[in-house]
């Protein structure tokens, strides 16, 4: 049996049981972006890695007017923010898995923005990005929603996120 569409799963998750107090929840991060909210993985070139880590990846959330331009957009954002030449990083494989957050949410069983932080899966369940490896180039509202999801994961898992 196929899981219900994302909108239906989120609606059900927000419904409170009869008699329970309801709390106001922010709209999903993807609805707070200017354009499309995207997520990419950036594998830092060796000269940017910490000395103790030969391989270092960043999870990057960013707004983009069109999904087709996402790679070039992120290269430009990173060049400005990190003050380093990033032209060709997509072609060289430093930037990969560029995906809209709506697509990430559809692939996940999670009914909230924790789906955007899933980076893998093990026998124990999903693996999530840790806060120290996440960068934001998006609206404050989208960032706040994703950070709220990180806090939820930290609370649920006793500090794992």
Protein backbone atom coordinates (compact mmCIF):
# COMPACT_ATOMS: atom_id res chain seq x y z
CA UNK A 1 0.00 0.00 0.00
CA UNK A 2 1.36 3.42 -0.96
CA UNK A 3 1.72 6.05 1.74
CA UNK A 4 -0.68 9.02 1.59
CA UNK A 5 0.56 12.12 -0.23
CA UNK A 6 2.72 14.52 1.74
CA UNK A 7 0.01 17.14 2.17
CA UNK A 8 -2.35 14.55 3.68
CA UNK A 9 0.36 13.16 6.02
CA UNK A 10 1.18 16.67 7.25
CA UNK A 11 -2.50 17.51 7.74
CA UNK A 12 -3.02 14.35 9.82
CA UNK A 13 0.10 15.03 11.88
CA UNK A 14 -1.13 18.52 12.76
CA UNK A 15 -4.57 17.37 13.87
CA UNK A 16 -4.85 17.15 17.61
CA UNK A 17 -6.87 14.41 19.33
CA UNK A 18 -10.27 15.44 20.64
CA UNK A 19 -9.92 17.55 23.79
CA UNK A 20 -6.19 18.13 23.36
CA UNK A 21 -4.76 21.60 23.31
CA UNK A 22 -3.55 22.62 19.90
CA UNK A 23 -0.40 24.59 19.23
CA UNK A 24 0.32 26.79 16.27
CA UNK A 25 2.91 25.28 13.96
CA UNK A 26 4.84 27.10 11.29
CA UNK A 27 4.21 26.23 7.67
CA UNK A 28 6.70 23.75 6.18
CA UNK A 29 10.06 25.24 5.19
CA UNK A 30 9.35 24.74 1.48
CA UNK A 31 6.35 27.10 1.73
CA UNK A 32 8.50 29.87 3.22
CA UNK A 33 11.08 30.03 0.44
CA UNK A 34 11.32 32.68 -2.26
CA UNK A 35 11.19 30.40 -5.28
CA UNK A 36 12.03 26.76 -4.67
CA UNK A 37 13.80 25.59 -1.54
CA UNK A 38 16.59 23.22 -2.51
CA UNK A 39 19.03 20.99 -0.64
CA UNK A 40 22.44 19.94 -1.91
CA UNK A 41 25.44 18.13 -0.58
CA UNK A 42 28.77 19.91 -0.98
CA UNK A 43 31.94 17.88 -0.67
CA UNK A 44 34.65 20.33 0.26
CA UNK A 45 37.85 20.27 -1.79
CA UNK A 46 40.89 19.15 0.25
CA UNK A 47 42.21 22.70 0.79
CA UNK A 48 38.96 23.64 2.59
CA UNK A 49 38.71 20.58 4.87
CA UNK A 50 39.65 20.63 8.53
CA UNK A 51 43.12 19.17 9.05
CA UNK A 52 41.81 16.22 11.02
CA UNK A 53 39.24 15.30 8.34
CA UNK A 54 40.30 14.25 4.86
CA UNK A 55 36.70 14.29 3.62
CA UNK A 56 34.16 16.84 4.77
CA UNK A 57 30.62 17.36 3.48
CA UNK A 58 28.17 20.19 4.04
CA UNK A 59 24.39 20.00 3.71
CA UNK A 60 23.27 23.25 2.08
CA UNK A 61 19.73 24.64 1.91
CA UNK A 62 19.17 27.47 -0.58
CA UNK A 63 16.44 29.33 -2.44
CA UNK A 64 16.41 29.14 -6.22
CA UNK A 65 13.97 30.71 -8.70
CA UNK A 66 14.03 27.63 -10.97
CA UNK A 67 15.18 24.11 -10.23
CA UNK A 68 16.95 23.92 -13.60
CA UNK A 69 19.39 26.67 -12.51
CA UNK A 70 20.04 25.26 -9.04
CA UNK A 71 23.62 24.07 -9.56
CA UNK A 72 24.88 27.33 -11.03
CA UNK A 73 22.96 29.31 -8.42
CA UNK A 74 24.58 27.38 -5.58
CA UNK A 75 28.05 27.73 -7.11
CA UNK A 76 27.54 31.51 -7.20
CA UNK A 77 26.22 31.64 -3.61
CA UNK A 78 29.13 29.59 -2.28
CA UNK A 79 31.69 31.68 -4.18
CA UNK A 80 30.38 34.81 -2.45
CA UNK A 81 29.83 33.32 1.00
CA UNK A 82 33.03 31.30 1.21
CA UNK A 83 35.21 33.67 -0.84
CA UNK A 84 36.57 30.89 -3.01
CA UNK A 85 36.24 30.08 -6.72
CA UNK A 86 33.50 27.49 -7.15
CA UNK A 87 32.91 27.55 -10.92
CA UNK A 88 32.62 23.97 -12.16
CA UNK A 89 32.03 22.40 -8.74
CA UNK A 90 28.89 20.63 -10.01
CA UNK A 91 30.77 19.14 -12.96
CA UNK A 92 33.71 18.18 -10.71
CA UNK A 93 31.38 16.41 -8.26
CA UNK A 94 31.90 18.77 -5.31
CA UNK A 95 28.19 19.70 -5.44
CA UNK A 96 25.77 16.82 -5.87
CA UNK A 97 22.32 15.47 -4.93
CA UNK A 98 20.69 18.83 -5.64
CA UNK A 99 17.06 18.14 -4.78
CA UNK A 100 13.99 20.24 -4.06
CA UNK A 101 12.77 19.97 -0.49
CA UNK A 102 9.31 19.05 -1.74
CA UNK A 103 10.82 16.01 -3.45
CA UNK A 104 12.76 15.09 -0.30
CA UNK A 105 9.55 15.32 1.74
CA UNK A 106 7.66 13.12 -0.74
CA UNK A 107 10.34 10.40 -0.50
CA UNK A 108 10.25 10.32 3.30
CA UNK A 109 7.86 8.74 5.76
CA UNK A 110 8.28 11.77 8.04
CA UNK A 111 5.34 14.17 8.11
CA UNK A 112 7.35 17.27 9.00
CA UNK A 113 10.56 19.08 8.10
CA UNK A 114 12.71 16.37 9.70
CA UNK A 115 12.43 14.72 6.27
CA UNK A 116 14.68 17.46 4.88
CA UNK A 117 17.47 16.44 7.23
CA UNK A 118 17.56 12.75 6.30
CA UNK A 119 20.93 11.90 4.76
CA UNK A 120 20.93 8.12 4.93
CA UNK A 121 19.35 5.02 6.37
CA UNK A 122 20.54 2.20 8.59
CA UNK A 123 18.99 -0.77 10.33
CA UNK A 124 18.14 1.60 13.19
CA UNK A 125 16.24 4.03 10.95
CA UNK A 126 17.07 7.28 9.20
CA UNK A 127 20.37 9.08 9.69
CA UNK A 128 20.13 12.85 9.99
CA UNK A 129 22.44 15.77 9.25
CA UNK A 130 24.02 17.30 12.33
CA UNK A 131 23.68 21.03 12.91
CA UNK A 132 27.41 21.64 12.58
CA UNK A 133 27.39 20.47 8.94
CA UNK A 134 24.37 22.49 7.71
CA UNK A 135 24.50 25.83 5.89
CA UNK A 136 21.58 28.08 4.97
CA UNK A 137 21.15 30.43 2.00
CA UNK A 138 17.38 30.82 2.27
CA UNK A 139 14.71 32.97 3.90
CA UNK A 140 14.74 33.36 7.68
CA UNK A 141 11.38 31.56 7.87
CA UNK A 142 12.63 28.52 5.95
CA UNK A 143 15.76 28.42 8.09
CA UNK A 144 13.72 28.68 11.28
CA UNK A 145 11.51 25.76 10.23
CA UNK A 146 14.51 23.56 9.46
CA UNK A 147 16.21 24.53 12.72
CA UNK A 148 12.99 23.68 14.58
CA UNK A 149 13.11 20.22 12.94
CA UNK A 150 16.73 19.87 14.14
CA UNK A 151 15.66 20.71 17.68
CA UNK A 152 12.87 18.12 17.47
CA UNK A 153 15.40 15.48 16.40
CA UNK A 154 17.75 16.46 19.20
CA UNK A 155 14.92 16.12 21.73
CA UNK A 156 13.72 12.77 20.30
CA UNK A 157 17.17 11.23 20.05
CA UNK A 158 18.81 12.74 23.09
CA UNK A 159 21.15 15.07 21.24
CA UNK A 160 21.93 13.11 18.06
CA UNK A 161 21.06 15.87 15.58
